[in-house]
């Protein structure tokens, strides 16, 4: 299985940034802690931190988990399969 991605508030709250985990049992970690996956951010004011990394990882099969499901103890379903 490819990893999981989620948009969560960074340290101190506020703006959401991309968080990653390679396995569902692992804690969410900011994308900046994964140099092997990270893509440089867009240098545009207001651009989401991690957007270019998100695009790259989606292309290779990583799943996006809804922010409100990120800490649910049951297996989180990818956003695109929730209805």
N, C-alpha and C. Protein backbone atom coordinates (compact mmCIF):
# COMPACT_ATOMS: atom_id res chain seq x y z
N UNK A 1 0.84 -1.18 0.00
CA UNK A 1 0.00 0.00 0.00
C UNK A 1 0.88 1.24 0.00
N UNK A 2 0.48 2.22 -0.78
CA UNK A 2 1.16 3.51 -0.73
C UNK A 2 0.77 4.21 0.56
N UNK A 3 1.41 5.29 0.87
CA UNK A 3 1.15 6.00 2.11
C UNK A 3 -0.15 6.78 2.11
N UNK A 4 -0.33 7.53 3.19
CA UNK A 4 -1.52 8.34 3.38
C UNK A 4 -1.12 9.80 3.58
N UNK A 5 -2.01 10.70 3.13
CA UNK A 5 -1.79 12.14 3.26
C UNK A 5 -3.01 12.76 3.92
N UNK A 6 -2.79 13.85 4.64
CA UNK A 6 -3.88 14.55 5.30
C UNK A 6 -3.47 16.01 5.50
N UNK A 7 -4.43 16.92 5.37
CA UNK A 7 -4.18 18.34 5.62
C UNK A 7 -4.54 18.62 7.07
N UNK A 8 -3.54 18.91 7.90
CA UNK A 8 -3.72 19.16 9.32
C UNK A 8 -3.03 20.45 9.72
N UNK A 9 -3.48 21.04 10.81
CA UNK A 9 -2.85 22.26 11.32
C UNK A 9 -1.41 21.94 11.74
N UNK A 10 -0.52 22.85 11.45
CA UNK A 10 0.88 22.68 11.84
C UNK A 10 1.05 22.97 13.32
N UNK A 11 2.28 22.95 13.78
CA UNK A 11 2.55 23.27 15.18
C UNK A 11 2.03 24.66 15.49
N UNK A 12 1.33 24.78 16.59
CA UNK A 12 0.76 26.07 16.96
C UNK A 12 -0.58 26.35 16.32
N UNK A 13 -1.11 25.37 15.58
CA UNK A 13 -2.42 25.55 14.95
C UNK A 13 -2.34 26.44 13.74
N UNK A 14 -3.46 26.98 13.36
CA UNK A 14 -3.50 27.89 12.22
C UNK A 14 -3.65 27.17 10.90
N UNK A 15 -2.91 27.63 9.91
CA UNK A 15 -3.02 27.12 8.55
C UNK A 15 -2.68 25.64 8.48
N UNK A 16 -3.46 24.92 7.70
CA UNK A 16 -3.20 23.49 7.52
C UNK A 16 -2.05 23.29 6.54
N UNK A 17 -1.24 22.29 6.84
CA UNK A 17 -0.16 21.89 5.94
C UNK A 17 -0.27 20.39 5.71
N UNK A 18 0.38 19.90 4.70
CA UNK A 18 0.33 18.48 4.37
C UNK A 18 1.08 17.66 5.41
N UNK A 19 0.43 16.61 5.88
CA UNK A 19 1.04 15.64 6.79
C UNK A 19 1.02 14.28 6.10
N UNK A 20 2.02 13.47 6.38
CA UNK A 20 2.16 12.17 5.75
C UNK A 20 2.35 11.07 6.78
N UNK A 21 2.03 9.86 6.36
CA UNK A 21 2.44 8.67 7.10
C UNK A 21 2.53 7.54 6.08
N UNK A 22 3.56 6.72 6.23
CA UNK A 22 3.79 5.64 5.28
C UNK A 22 2.89 4.45 5.55
N UNK A 23 2.51 4.25 6.82
CA UNK A 23 1.64 3.15 7.24
C UNK A 23 0.52 3.72 8.11
N UNK A 24 -0.66 3.11 8.06
CA UNK A 24 -1.83 3.63 8.78
C UNK A 24 -1.63 3.66 10.30
N UNK A 25 -0.76 2.83 10.85
CA UNK A 25 -0.56 2.80 12.30
C UNK A 25 0.43 3.87 12.78
N UNK A 26 1.10 4.54 11.88
CA UNK A 26 2.09 5.54 12.24
C UNK A 26 1.43 6.89 12.53
N UNK A 27 2.09 7.74 13.31
CA UNK A 27 1.54 9.08 13.57
C UNK A 27 1.68 9.97 12.33
N UNK A 28 0.83 10.98 12.25
CA UNK A 28 0.94 11.97 11.18
C UNK A 28 2.16 12.85 11.44
N UNK A 29 2.92 13.10 10.37
CA UNK A 29 4.14 13.89 10.47
C UNK A 29 4.14 14.91 9.33
N UNK A 30 4.56 16.16 9.59
CA UNK A 30 4.61 17.15 8.51
C UNK A 30 5.46 16.66 7.34
N UNK A 31 5.01 16.99 6.15
CA UNK A 31 5.69 16.53 4.93
C UNK A 31 7.15 16.96 4.88
N UNK A 32 7.50 18.03 5.57
CA UNK A 32 8.88 18.51 5.55
C UNK A 32 9.84 17.54 6.23
N UNK A 33 9.32 16.58 6.97
CA UNK A 33 10.15 15.58 7.63
C UNK A 33 10.46 14.39 6.73
N UNK A 34 9.98 14.43 5.49
CA UNK A 34 10.18 13.33 4.54
C UNK A 34 10.92 13.83 3.30
N UNK A 35 12.23 14.03 3.40
CA UNK A 35 12.97 14.56 2.24
C UNK A 35 12.89 13.65 1.01
N UNK A 36 12.65 12.36 1.23
CA UNK A 36 12.57 11.43 0.11
C UNK A 36 11.30 11.63 -0.73
N UNK A 37 10.28 12.29 -0.18
CA UNK A 37 9.03 12.54 -0.89
C UNK A 37 8.80 14.01 -1.22
N UNK A 38 9.43 14.88 -0.48
CA UNK A 38 9.15 16.32 -0.57
C UNK A 38 9.54 16.91 -1.92
N UNK A 39 8.66 17.78 -2.40
CA UNK A 39 8.90 18.55 -3.61
C UNK A 39 8.91 20.02 -3.18
N UNK A 40 9.79 20.85 -3.73
CA UNK A 40 9.82 22.26 -3.32
C UNK A 40 8.44 22.92 -3.45
N UNK A 41 8.10 23.74 -2.46
CA UNK A 41 6.82 24.44 -2.46
C UNK A 41 6.79 25.52 -3.54
N UNK A 42 5.58 25.86 -3.98
CA UNK A 42 5.39 26.97 -4.90
C UNK A 42 5.77 28.26 -4.20
N UNK A 43 6.40 29.15 -4.90
CA UNK A 43 6.79 30.44 -4.33
C UNK A 43 5.74 31.49 -4.68
N UNK A 44 4.49 31.17 -4.32
CA UNK A 44 3.36 32.05 -4.58
C UNK A 44 2.70 32.37 -3.25
N UNK A 45 2.47 33.63 -2.98
CA UNK A 45 1.83 34.03 -1.72
C UNK A 45 0.47 33.34 -1.61
N UNK A 46 0.23 32.71 -0.48
CA UNK A 46 -1.04 32.04 -0.22
C UNK A 46 -1.10 30.60 -0.69
N UNK A 47 -0.05 30.12 -1.36
CA UNK A 47 -0.06 28.73 -1.81
C UNK A 47 0.01 27.79 -0.61
N UNK A 48 -0.72 26.69 -0.67
CA UNK A 48 -0.73 25.72 0.42
C UNK A 48 0.64 25.07 0.57
N UNK A 49 1.09 24.96 1.82
CA UNK A 49 2.37 24.32 2.09
C UNK A 49 2.22 22.81 1.91
N UNK A 50 2.92 22.29 0.93
CA UNK A 50 2.86 20.87 0.64
C UNK A 50 2.06 20.52 -0.60
N UNK A 51 1.49 21.52 -1.27
CA UNK A 51 0.64 21.26 -2.43
C UNK A 51 1.38 20.51 -3.53
N UNK A 52 2.60 20.90 -3.85
CA UNK A 52 3.34 20.21 -4.92
C UNK A 52 3.71 18.79 -4.50
N UNK A 53 4.01 18.59 -3.22
CA UNK A 53 4.28 17.24 -2.72
C UNK A 53 3.01 16.40 -2.80
N UNK A 54 1.88 16.97 -2.43
CA UNK A 54 0.59 16.28 -2.53
C UNK A 54 0.34 15.81 -3.96
N UNK A 55 0.54 16.68 -4.94
CA UNK A 55 0.31 16.31 -6.33
C UNK A 55 1.19 15.15 -6.76
N UNK A 56 2.46 15.19 -6.39
CA UNK A 56 3.39 14.12 -6.75
C UNK A 56 2.96 12.79 -6.14
N UNK A 57 2.61 12.81 -4.85
CA UNK A 57 2.26 11.56 -4.17
C UNK A 57 0.92 11.00 -4.65
N UNK A 58 -0.03 11.85 -5.01
CA UNK A 58 -1.31 11.37 -5.56
C UNK A 58 -1.07 10.61 -6.86
N UNK A 59 -0.14 11.10 -7.66
CA UNK A 59 0.17 10.45 -8.94
C UNK A 59 0.71 9.04 -8.76
N UNK A 60 1.35 8.78 -7.63
CA UNK A 60 1.93 7.45 -7.40
C UNK A 60 1.11 6.61 -6.44
N UNK A 61 -0.14 7.03 -6.18
CA UNK A 61 -1.06 6.17 -5.45
C UNK A 61 -1.26 6.42 -3.97
N UNK A 62 -0.71 7.50 -3.44
CA UNK A 62 -0.95 7.79 -2.02
C UNK A 62 -2.41 8.20 -1.84
N UNK A 63 -2.98 7.86 -0.69
CA UNK A 63 -4.38 8.14 -0.40
C UNK A 63 -4.52 9.42 0.42
N UNK A 64 -5.55 10.21 0.11
CA UNK A 64 -5.87 11.40 0.89
C UNK A 64 -6.92 11.02 1.92
N UNK A 65 -6.62 11.29 3.19
CA UNK A 65 -7.53 11.02 4.29
C UNK A 65 -8.16 12.35 4.72
N UNK A 66 -9.47 12.35 4.92
CA UNK A 66 -10.16 13.57 5.36
C UNK A 66 -9.62 14.02 6.71
N UNK A 67 -9.47 15.33 6.87
CA UNK A 67 -8.92 15.88 8.12
C UNK A 67 -9.71 15.43 9.34
N UNK A 68 -11.04 15.37 9.24
CA UNK A 68 -11.84 14.98 10.39
C UNK A 68 -11.77 13.49 10.69
N UNK A 69 -11.19 12.70 9.80
CA UNK A 69 -11.03 11.27 10.02
C UNK A 69 -9.59 10.90 10.38
N UNK A 70 -8.71 11.88 10.47
CA UNK A 70 -7.29 11.62 10.66
C UNK A 70 -6.95 10.90 11.95
N UNK A 71 -7.72 11.15 13.00
CA UNK A 71 -7.40 10.56 14.30
C UNK A 71 -8.43 9.55 14.77
N UNK A 72 -9.31 9.12 13.87
CA UNK A 72 -10.29 8.09 14.20
C UNK A 72 -9.56 6.77 14.35
N UNK A 73 -9.86 6.02 15.41
CA UNK A 73 -9.14 4.77 15.68
C UNK A 73 -9.42 3.68 14.66
N UNK A 74 -10.60 3.69 14.03
CA UNK A 74 -10.88 2.69 13.02
C UNK A 74 -10.10 3.03 11.76
N UNK A 75 -9.99 2.09 10.87
CA UNK A 75 -9.24 2.32 9.64
C UNK A 75 -9.88 3.47 8.87
N UNK A 76 -9.12 4.47 8.57
CA UNK A 76 -9.62 5.62 7.82
C UNK A 76 -9.69 5.28 6.34
N UNK A 77 -10.80 5.62 5.73
CA UNK A 77 -10.96 5.40 4.30
C UNK A 77 -10.45 6.60 3.54
N UNK A 78 -9.85 6.37 2.38
CA UNK A 78 -9.44 7.50 1.56
C UNK A 78 -10.63 8.38 1.21
N UNK A 79 -10.42 9.66 1.06
CA UNK A 79 -11.49 10.62 0.78
C UNK A 79 -12.30 10.20 -0.44
N UNK A 80 -11.64 9.77 -1.50
CA UNK A 80 -12.35 9.47 -2.74
C UNK A 80 -13.27 8.26 -2.63
N UNK A 81 -13.15 7.43 -1.58
CA UNK A 81 -14.04 6.28 -1.43
C UNK A 81 -15.14 6.52 -0.41
N UNK A 82 -15.10 7.62 0.31
CA UNK A 82 -16.13 7.92 1.30
C UNK A 82 -17.34 8.53 0.60
N UNK A 83 -18.51 8.08 0.98
CA UNK A 83 -19.76 8.65 0.41
C UNK A 83 -20.82 8.66 1.45
